[in-house]
C-alpha atoms as a PDB file:
ATOM      1  CA  MET A   1      18.788   3.417   9.959  1.00  0.00           C
ATOM      2  CA  THR A   2      15.873   4.233  12.225  1.00  0.00           C
ATOM      3  CA  ILE A   3      15.863   3.688  15.971  1.00  0.00           C
ATOM      4  CA  ILE A   4      13.269   0.944  15.504  1.00  0.00           C
ATOM      5  CA  ASP A   5      15.619  -0.860  13.104  1.00  0.00           C
ATOM      6  CA  GLU A   6      18.400  -0.571  15.668  1.00  0.00           C
ATOM      7  CA  ILE A   7      16.138  -2.006  18.397  1.00  0.00           C
ATOM      8  CA  LEU A   8      15.143  -4.923  16.154  1.00  0.00           C
ATOM      9  CA  ILE A   9      18.769  -5.606  15.229  1.00  0.00           C
ATOM     10  CA  CYS A  10      19.821  -5.609  18.893  1.00  0.00           C
ATOM     11  CA  ALA A  11      16.942  -7.922  19.811  1.00  0.00           C
ATOM     12  CA  ASN A  12      17.861 -10.324  16.995  1.00  0.00           C
ATOM     13  CA  GLN A  13      21.534 -10.300  17.976  1.00  0.00           C
ATOM     14  CA  LEU A  14      20.622 -11.115  21.592  1.00  0.00           C
ATOM     15  CA  ALA A  15      18.241 -13.875  20.508  1.00  0.00           C
ATOM     16  CA  ASN A  16      20.891 -15.319  18.178  1.00  0.00           C
ATOM     17  CA  ALA A  17      23.257 -15.420  21.168  1.00  0.00           C
ATOM     18  CA  GLY A  18      20.662 -17.403  23.133  1.00  0.00           C
ATOM     19  CA  LYS A  19      19.593 -14.508  25.368  1.00  0.00           C
ATOM     20  CA  LYS A  20      16.062 -13.206  25.792  1.00  0.00           C
ATOM     21  CA  PRO A  21      15.949  -9.606  24.530  1.00  0.00           C
ATOM     22  CA  THR A  22      14.758  -7.605  27.531  1.00  0.00           C
ATOM     23  CA  VAL A  23      14.265  -3.867  27.703  1.00  0.00           C
ATOM     24  CA  ALA A  24      17.401  -3.489  29.830  1.00  0.00           C
ATOM     25  CA  LEU A  25      19.624  -5.622  27.575  1.00  0.00           C
ATOM     26  CA  VAL A  26      18.472  -3.918  24.382  1.00  0.00           C
ATOM     27  CA  LYS A  27      18.696  -0.437  25.914  1.00  0.00           C
ATOM     28  CA  ALA A  28      22.283  -1.131  26.945  1.00  0.00           C
ATOM     29  CA  LYS A  29      23.249  -2.017  23.360  1.00  0.00           C
ATOM     30  CA  LEU A  30      21.629   0.992  21.658  1.00  0.00           C
ATOM     31  CA  SER A  31      23.873   3.719  20.274  1.00  0.00           C
ATOM     32  CA  GLN A  32      21.472   6.552  21.130  1.00  0.00           C
ATOM     33  CA  ARG A  33      18.990   7.421  23.848  1.00  0.00           C
ATOM     34  CA  THR A  34      15.543   6.102  23.079  1.00  0.00           C
ATOM     35  CA  PRO A  35      12.184   6.826  24.681  1.00  0.00           C
ATOM     36  CA  LEU A  36      11.201   3.899  26.874  1.00  0.00           C
ATOM     37  CA  ALA A  37       7.765   3.746  25.253  1.00  0.00           C
ATOM     38  CA  THR A  38       9.331   3.263  21.807  1.00  0.00           C
ATOM     39  CA  LEU A  39      11.616   0.544  23.123  1.00  0.00           C
ATOM     40  CA  ILE A  40       8.810  -1.327  24.900  1.00  0.00           C
ATOM     41  CA  THR A  41       6.376  -1.072  21.981  1.00  0.00           C
ATOM     42  CA  THR A  42       8.981  -2.249  19.495  1.00  0.00           C
ATOM     43  CA  LEU A  43       9.983  -5.218  21.671  1.00  0.00           C
ATOM     44  CA  LYS A  44       6.330  -6.190  22.186  1.00  0.00           C
ATOM     45  CA  ASN A  45       5.870  -6.392  18.416  1.00  0.00           C
ATOM     46  CA  TRP A  46       9.294  -7.928  17.753  1.00  0.00           C
ATOM     47  CA  GLN A  47       9.564 -11.322  16.106  1.00  0.00           C
ATOM     48  CA  HIS A  48      12.872 -13.087  15.819  1.00  0.00           C
ATOM     49  CA  GLN A  49      14.483 -12.667  12.405  1.00  0.00           C
ATOM     50  CA  PRO A  50      17.866 -14.382  12.717  1.00  0.00           C
ATOM     51  CA  ASP A  51      19.239 -12.814   9.517  1.00  0.00           C
ATOM     52  CA  PHE A  52      18.332  -9.202  10.405  1.00  0.00           C
ATOM     53  CA  ILE A  53      21.405  -8.439  12.492  1.00  0.00           C
ATOM     54  CA  ALA A  54      22.840  -5.506  10.550  1.00  0.00           C
ATOM     55  CA  PRO A  55      21.322  -2.577   8.688  1.00  0.00           C
ATOM     56  CA  LEU A  56      20.766  -3.048   4.966  1.00  0.00           C
ATOM     57  CA  SER A  57      23.401  -1.371   2.848  1.00  0.00           C
ATOM     58  CA  ALA A  58      22.368   1.116   0.201  1.00  0.00           C
ATOM     59  CA  LYS A  59      23.074  -1.490  -2.476  1.00  0.00           C
ATOM     60  CA  GLU A  60      20.888  -4.116  -0.742  1.00  0.00           C
ATOM     61  CA  GLN A  61      18.074  -1.575  -0.377  1.00  0.00           C
ATOM     62  CA  GLN A  62      18.322  -0.732  -4.090  1.00  0.00           C
ATOM     63  CA  VAL A  63      18.260  -4.438  -5.049  1.00  0.00           C
ATOM     64  CA  SER A  64      15.186  -4.925  -2.858  1.00  0.00           C
ATOM     65  CA  GLN A  65      13.443  -1.935  -4.445  1.00  0.00           C
ATOM     66  CA  ASP A  66      14.380  -3.097  -7.957  1.00  0.00           C
ATOM     67  CA  LYS A  67      13.003  -6.570  -7.256  1.00  0.00           C
ATOM     68  CA  SER A  68       9.739  -5.088  -5.988  1.00  0.00           C
ATOM     69  CA  SER A  69       9.508  -2.847  -9.048  1.00  0.00           C
ATOM     70  CA  ASN A  70      10.190  -5.797 -11.364  1.00  0.00           C
ATOM     71  CA  ASP A  71       7.497  -7.856  -9.600  1.00  0.00           C
ATOM     72  CA  ASN A  72       4.975  -5.038 -10.072  1.00  0.00           C
ATOM     73  CA  THR A  73       5.912  -4.640 -13.726  1.00  0.00           C
ATOM     74  CA  ALA A  74       5.567  -8.388 -14.308  1.00  0.00           C
ATOM     75  CA  LEU A  75       2.138  -8.376 -12.673  1.00  0.00           C
ATOM     76  CA  LEU A  76       0.991  -5.445 -14.799  1.00  0.00           C
ATOM     77  CA  ASP A  77       2.348  -7.098 -17.964  1.00  0.00           C
ATOM     78  CA  SER A  78       0.511 -10.291 -17.053  1.00  0.00           C
ATOM     79  CA  LEU A  79      -2.764  -8.426 -16.568  1.00  0.00           C
ATOM     80  CA  VAL A  80      -2.358  -6.636 -19.884  1.00  0.00           C
ATOM     81  CA  GLU A  81      -1.489  -9.862 -21.742  1.00  0.00           C
ATOM     82  CA  ASN A  82      -4.470 -11.702 -20.275  1.00  0.00           C
ATOM     83  CA  GLY A  83      -6.783  -8.895 -21.340  1.00  0.00           C
ATOM     84  CA  ALA A  84      -7.932  -8.258 -17.771  1.00  0.00           C
ATOM     85  CA  VAL A  85      -7.172  -4.540 -17.981  1.00  0.00           C
ATOM     86  CA  LYS A  86      -8.970  -4.256 -21.316  1.00  0.00           C
ATOM     87  CA  LYS A  87     -12.060  -6.012 -19.909  1.00  0.00           C
ATOM     88  CA  ILE A  88     -12.133  -3.741 -16.856  1.00  0.00           C
ATOM     89  CA  ILE A  89     -11.869  -0.650 -19.053  1.00  0.00           C
ATOM     90  CA  GLN A  90     -14.588  -1.913 -21.383  1.00  0.00           C
ATOM     91  CA  GLN A  91     -16.937  -2.660 -18.472  1.00  0.00           C
ATOM     92  CA  SER A  92     -16.306   0.749 -16.969  1.00  0.00           C
ATOM     93  CA  LEU A  93     -16.923   2.514 -20.274  1.00  0.00           C
ATOM     94  CA  ALA A  94     -20.095   0.496 -20.906  1.00  0.00           C
ATOM     95  CA  GLN A  95     -21.424   1.478 -17.479  1.00  0.00           C
ATOM     96  CA  GLU A  96     -20.608   5.147 -18.047  1.00  0.00           C
ATOM     97  CA  LEU A  97     -22.214   5.049 -21.512  1.00  0.00           C
ATOM     98  CA  THR A  98     -25.399   3.527 -20.065  1.00  0.00           C
ATOM     99  CA  GLU A  99     -25.577   6.284 -17.445  1.00  0.00           C
ATOM    100  CA  ILE A 100     -25.108   8.968 -20.114  1.00  0.00           C
ATOM    101  CA  LYS A 101     -27.826   7.433 -22.302  1.00  0.00           C
ATOM    102  CA  ASN A 102     -30.233   7.393 -19.344  1.00  0.00           C
ATOM    103  CA  GLU A 103     -29.497  11.032 -18.553  1.00  0.00           C
ATOM    104  CA  LEU A 104     -29.986  11.992 -22.204  1.00  0.00           C
ATOM    105  CA  ALA A 105     -33.360  10.239 -22.260  1.00  0.00           C
ATOM    106  CA  GLU A 106     -34.396  12.190 -19.142  1.00  0.00           C
ATOM    107  CA  VAL A 107     -33.324  15.488 -20.738  1.00  0.00           C
ATOM    108  CA  LYS A 108     -35.280  14.677 -23.916  1.00  0.00           C
ATOM    109  CA  LEU A 109     -38.361  13.901 -21.845  1.00  0.00           C
ATOM    110  CA  LEU A 110     -38.033  17.173 -19.935  1.00  0.00           C
ATOM    111  CA  ILE A 111     -37.676  19.145 -23.177  1.00  0.00           C
ATOM    112  CA  LYS A 112     -40.722  17.406 -24.623  1.00  0.00           C
ATOM    113  CA  ASN A 113     -42.792  18.178 -21.516  1.00  0.00           C
ATOM    114  CA  LEU A 114     -41.671  21.819 -21.492  1.00  0.00           C
ATOM    115  CA  THR A 115     -42.466  22.179 -25.193  1.00  0.00           C
ATOM    116  CA  GLU A 116     -45.956  20.786 -24.632  1.00  0.00           C
ATOM    117  CA  GLN A 117     -46.533  23.169 -21.724  1.00  0.00           C
ATOM    118  CA  VAL A 118     -45.450  26.163 -23.813  1.00  0.00           C
ATOM    119  CA  ASN A 119     -47.693  25.087 -26.703  1.00  0.00           C
ATOM    120  CA  GLN A 120     -50.680  24.689 -24.350  1.00  0.00           C
ATOM    121  CA  LYS A 121     -50.269  28.228 -23.036  1.00  0.00           C
ATOM    122  CA  LYS A 122     -50.373  29.708 -26.537  1.00  0.00           C
END
């Protein structure tokens, strides 16, 4: 658990008890010394989360990560099923192919011009 997590937990516990989390009250509850700037900045950005009153266990963190991973996988599967990924790839390839064709036409024109110049000098 980070010091910021500990500050947020202390602030939430105080708020749940009906007290306003002040720098002094939170500092008194912390288990380790904390720079005042960190404490003040964290409390300025703090928003009451009544349920965040204890650090997440390793199992809860894993469940949260698994859920996030499953959500991402579901989104990717949805995009693939809807053909969105295929359309994006096709558009990208079509654009690249057009650029290559234009460059090839320029190279052909340069070769033609150089050939004509060489033939004129002969």
